[in-house]
N, C-alpha and C. Protein backbone atom coordinates (compact mmCIF):
# COMPACT_ATOMS: atom_id res chain seq x y z
N MET A 1 -111.54 96.46 105.51
CA MET A 1 -112.55 95.54 105.95
C MET A 1 -113.46 96.27 106.94
N LEU A 2 -114.75 96.03 106.82
CA LEU A 2 -115.74 96.69 107.65
C LEU A 2 -116.69 95.66 108.24
N GLU A 3 -116.84 95.68 109.56
CA GLU A 3 -117.76 94.78 110.25
C GLU A 3 -119.13 95.46 110.35
N VAL A 4 -120.18 94.68 110.37
CA VAL A 4 -121.54 95.21 110.43
C VAL A 4 -121.73 96.11 111.65
N ALA A 5 -121.05 95.83 112.74
CA ALA A 5 -121.18 96.65 113.95
C ALA A 5 -120.64 98.06 113.75
N GLN A 6 -119.84 98.27 112.71
CA GLN A 6 -119.25 99.58 112.45
C GLN A 6 -120.10 100.41 111.48
N VAL A 7 -121.17 99.85 110.95
CA VAL A 7 -121.98 100.53 109.94
C VAL A 7 -123.11 101.31 110.61
N PRO A 8 -123.22 102.61 110.33
CA PRO A 8 -124.34 103.38 110.89
C PRO A 8 -125.67 102.78 110.44
N SER A 9 -126.66 102.82 111.31
CA SER A 9 -127.95 102.18 111.02
C SER A 9 -128.58 102.67 109.72
N GLU A 10 -128.36 103.94 109.36
CA GLU A 10 -128.96 104.45 108.12
C GLU A 10 -128.32 103.87 106.86
N HIS A 11 -127.19 103.19 106.99
CA HIS A 11 -126.52 102.58 105.83
C HIS A 11 -126.54 101.05 105.88
N LEU A 12 -127.24 100.48 106.84
CA LEU A 12 -127.21 99.04 107.05
C LEU A 12 -127.74 98.25 105.85
N GLU A 13 -128.86 98.64 105.30
CA GLU A 13 -129.42 97.91 104.16
C GLU A 13 -128.49 97.99 102.95
N GLU A 14 -127.90 99.14 102.71
CA GLU A 14 -126.95 99.29 101.61
C GLU A 14 -125.72 98.39 101.84
N PHE A 15 -125.25 98.32 103.08
CA PHE A 15 -124.10 97.50 103.44
C PHE A 15 -124.37 96.02 103.18
N LYS A 16 -125.61 95.59 103.39
CA LYS A 16 -125.98 94.19 103.20
C LYS A 16 -126.26 93.82 101.74
N SER A 17 -126.26 94.79 100.84
CA SER A 17 -126.63 94.56 99.45
C SER A 17 -125.56 93.76 98.70
N ILE A 18 -125.97 92.60 98.18
CA ILE A 18 -125.03 91.82 97.35
C ILE A 18 -124.95 92.37 95.94
N ARG A 19 -125.83 93.28 95.59
CA ARG A 19 -125.72 93.96 94.29
C ARG A 19 -124.60 95.01 94.35
N LYS A 20 -124.49 95.70 95.47
CA LYS A 20 -123.46 96.73 95.61
C LYS A 20 -122.10 96.13 95.94
N PHE A 21 -122.07 95.14 96.84
CA PHE A 21 -120.81 94.55 97.28
C PHE A 21 -120.76 93.09 96.79
N LYS A 22 -119.96 92.84 95.77
CA LYS A 22 -119.86 91.51 95.18
C LYS A 22 -118.93 90.59 95.98
N ILE A 23 -118.05 91.18 96.77
CA ILE A 23 -117.11 90.41 97.58
C ILE A 23 -117.39 90.72 99.04
N PHE A 24 -117.48 89.69 99.86
CA PHE A 24 -117.78 89.93 101.26
C PHE A 24 -117.09 88.88 102.12
N ASN A 25 -117.00 89.19 103.41
CA ASN A 25 -116.32 88.36 104.38
C ASN A 25 -117.24 87.24 104.86
N THR A 26 -116.75 86.02 104.83
CA THR A 26 -117.52 84.88 105.36
C THR A 26 -116.92 84.36 106.66
N ASN A 27 -116.05 85.18 107.27
CA ASN A 27 -115.40 84.83 108.53
C ASN A 27 -114.53 83.58 108.45
N ASN A 28 -113.93 83.35 107.30
CA ASN A 28 -112.96 82.26 107.14
C ASN A 28 -111.57 82.86 107.15
N LEU A 29 -110.66 82.23 107.84
CA LEU A 29 -109.29 82.70 107.89
C LEU A 29 -108.33 81.58 107.49
N TRP A 30 -107.31 81.94 106.71
CA TRP A 30 -106.23 81.02 106.41
C TRP A 30 -105.01 81.57 107.13
N LEU A 31 -104.36 80.73 107.91
CA LEU A 31 -103.25 81.18 108.73
C LEU A 31 -101.96 80.46 108.40
N ASN A 32 -100.88 81.19 108.44
CA ASN A 32 -99.55 80.61 108.40
C ASN A 32 -99.14 80.50 109.86
N LEU A 33 -99.27 79.31 110.45
CA LEU A 33 -99.07 79.15 111.89
C LEU A 33 -97.66 79.52 112.35
N PRO A 34 -96.59 79.14 111.64
CA PRO A 34 -95.26 79.57 112.08
C PRO A 34 -95.13 81.11 112.10
N ALA A 35 -95.69 81.78 111.11
CA ALA A 35 -95.63 83.25 111.08
C ALA A 35 -96.45 83.85 112.21
N LEU A 36 -97.62 83.29 112.48
CA LEU A 36 -98.45 83.78 113.59
C LEU A 36 -97.72 83.60 114.92
N LYS A 37 -97.10 82.44 115.10
CA LYS A 37 -96.34 82.18 116.33
C LYS A 37 -95.22 83.20 116.50
N ARG A 38 -94.49 83.47 115.42
CA ARG A 38 -93.40 84.44 115.46
C ARG A 38 -93.91 85.82 115.86
N VAL A 39 -95.00 86.25 115.24
CA VAL A 39 -95.54 87.58 115.54
C VAL A 39 -96.04 87.66 116.97
N MET A 40 -96.71 86.62 117.43
CA MET A 40 -97.23 86.62 118.79
C MET A 40 -96.10 86.66 119.83
N GLU A 41 -94.95 86.11 119.48
CA GLU A 41 -93.82 86.09 120.40
C GLU A 41 -92.96 87.35 120.32
N THR A 42 -92.99 88.05 119.18
CA THR A 42 -92.04 89.14 118.99
C THR A 42 -92.66 90.50 118.67
N GLU A 43 -93.93 90.54 118.29
CA GLU A 43 -94.53 91.80 117.84
C GLU A 43 -95.90 91.99 118.48
N ASN A 44 -96.50 93.12 118.18
CA ASN A 44 -97.84 93.43 118.63
C ASN A 44 -98.72 93.63 117.40
N LEU A 45 -99.80 92.87 117.27
CA LEU A 45 -100.68 93.01 116.10
C LEU A 45 -101.46 94.32 116.12
N ASP A 46 -101.72 94.88 117.29
CA ASP A 46 -102.38 96.18 117.42
C ASP A 46 -103.66 96.27 116.59
N LEU A 47 -104.58 95.33 116.84
CA LEU A 47 -105.85 95.32 116.12
C LEU A 47 -106.82 96.33 116.72
N GLU A 48 -107.58 96.99 115.86
CA GLU A 48 -108.59 97.95 116.29
C GLU A 48 -109.68 97.24 117.10
N ILE A 49 -110.14 97.85 118.17
CA ILE A 49 -111.25 97.31 118.94
C ILE A 49 -112.56 97.84 118.36
N ILE A 50 -113.47 96.93 118.06
CA ILE A 50 -114.79 97.27 117.52
C ILE A 50 -115.79 97.18 118.66
N ILE A 51 -116.52 98.26 118.89
CA ILE A 51 -117.54 98.29 119.94
C ILE A 51 -118.87 97.93 119.30
N ASN A 52 -119.43 96.80 119.71
CA ASN A 52 -120.65 96.27 119.13
C ASN A 52 -121.74 96.28 120.21
N GLN A 53 -122.67 97.24 120.11
CA GLN A 53 -123.75 97.35 121.09
C GLN A 53 -124.86 96.39 120.71
N LYS A 54 -125.25 95.55 121.66
CA LYS A 54 -126.27 94.53 121.42
C LYS A 54 -127.25 94.52 122.58
N SER A 55 -128.28 93.70 122.45
CA SER A 55 -129.23 93.47 123.54
C SER A 55 -129.35 91.98 123.76
N LEU A 56 -129.45 91.58 125.02
CA LEU A 56 -129.71 90.19 125.34
C LEU A 56 -131.17 89.86 125.03
N ASP A 57 -131.52 88.59 125.08
CA ASP A 57 -132.90 88.19 124.79
C ASP A 57 -133.92 88.90 125.67
N ASP A 58 -133.52 89.26 126.90
CA ASP A 58 -134.45 89.93 127.81
C ASP A 58 -134.45 91.45 127.64
N GLY A 59 -133.72 91.95 126.63
CA GLY A 59 -133.68 93.38 126.35
C GLY A 59 -132.55 94.12 127.05
N GLN A 60 -131.83 93.45 127.93
CA GLN A 60 -130.71 94.07 128.65
C GLN A 60 -129.64 94.50 127.66
N PRO A 61 -129.29 95.80 127.63
CA PRO A 61 -128.23 96.24 126.71
C PRO A 61 -126.86 95.77 127.20
N VAL A 62 -126.04 95.34 126.25
CA VAL A 62 -124.67 94.91 126.55
C VAL A 62 -123.74 95.48 125.47
N VAL A 63 -122.47 95.50 125.77
CA VAL A 63 -121.46 95.93 124.81
C VAL A 63 -120.51 94.75 124.59
N GLN A 64 -120.35 94.36 123.33
CA GLN A 64 -119.43 93.29 122.96
C GLN A 64 -118.21 93.95 122.32
N LEU A 65 -117.03 93.65 122.84
CA LEU A 65 -115.79 94.17 122.26
C LEU A 65 -115.21 93.11 121.34
N GLU A 66 -114.89 93.50 120.11
CA GLU A 66 -114.40 92.57 119.10
C GLU A 66 -113.14 93.12 118.45
N THR A 67 -112.41 92.25 117.81
CA THR A 67 -111.37 92.66 116.88
C THR A 67 -111.61 91.91 115.58
N ALA A 68 -111.24 92.48 114.47
CA ALA A 68 -111.41 91.84 113.18
C ALA A 68 -110.06 91.21 112.80
N ALA A 69 -109.95 89.92 113.03
CA ALA A 69 -108.68 89.23 112.76
C ALA A 69 -108.26 89.36 111.30
N GLY A 70 -109.25 89.41 110.41
CA GLY A 70 -108.94 89.56 108.99
C GLY A 70 -108.33 90.91 108.63
N ALA A 71 -108.41 91.87 109.55
CA ALA A 71 -107.84 93.19 109.31
C ALA A 71 -106.37 93.27 109.74
N ALA A 72 -105.86 92.17 110.29
CA ALA A 72 -104.45 92.17 110.72
C ALA A 72 -103.53 92.29 109.50
N PRO A 73 -102.37 92.89 109.68
CA PRO A 73 -101.45 93.01 108.56
C PRO A 73 -100.92 91.64 108.14
N ASP A 74 -100.46 91.56 106.89
CA ASP A 74 -99.85 90.33 106.38
C ASP A 74 -98.49 90.18 107.04
N VAL A 75 -98.34 89.16 107.87
CA VAL A 75 -97.07 88.95 108.59
C VAL A 75 -96.37 87.68 108.13
N SER A 76 -96.76 87.15 106.98
CA SER A 76 -96.21 85.86 106.53
C SER A 76 -94.78 85.96 106.00
N ARG A 77 -94.25 87.15 105.87
CA ARG A 77 -92.88 87.28 105.36
C ARG A 77 -91.86 86.99 106.41
């Protein structure tokens, strides 16, 4: 899974192409709540931190730190 913040600017238009990528993330998650509870109590999901550089409306540069929940391993077993 790849977030837009991880795509180099020279590949951004290609990344957004629905002709090239027929399947894409719509930020919907289905969760098994008992499995999530178990993992949160007993394990570490160890999700990669995504550094997303943005600008506020006034032009002030900021850094948003994100994780891609959809990239977490399948822990439903």
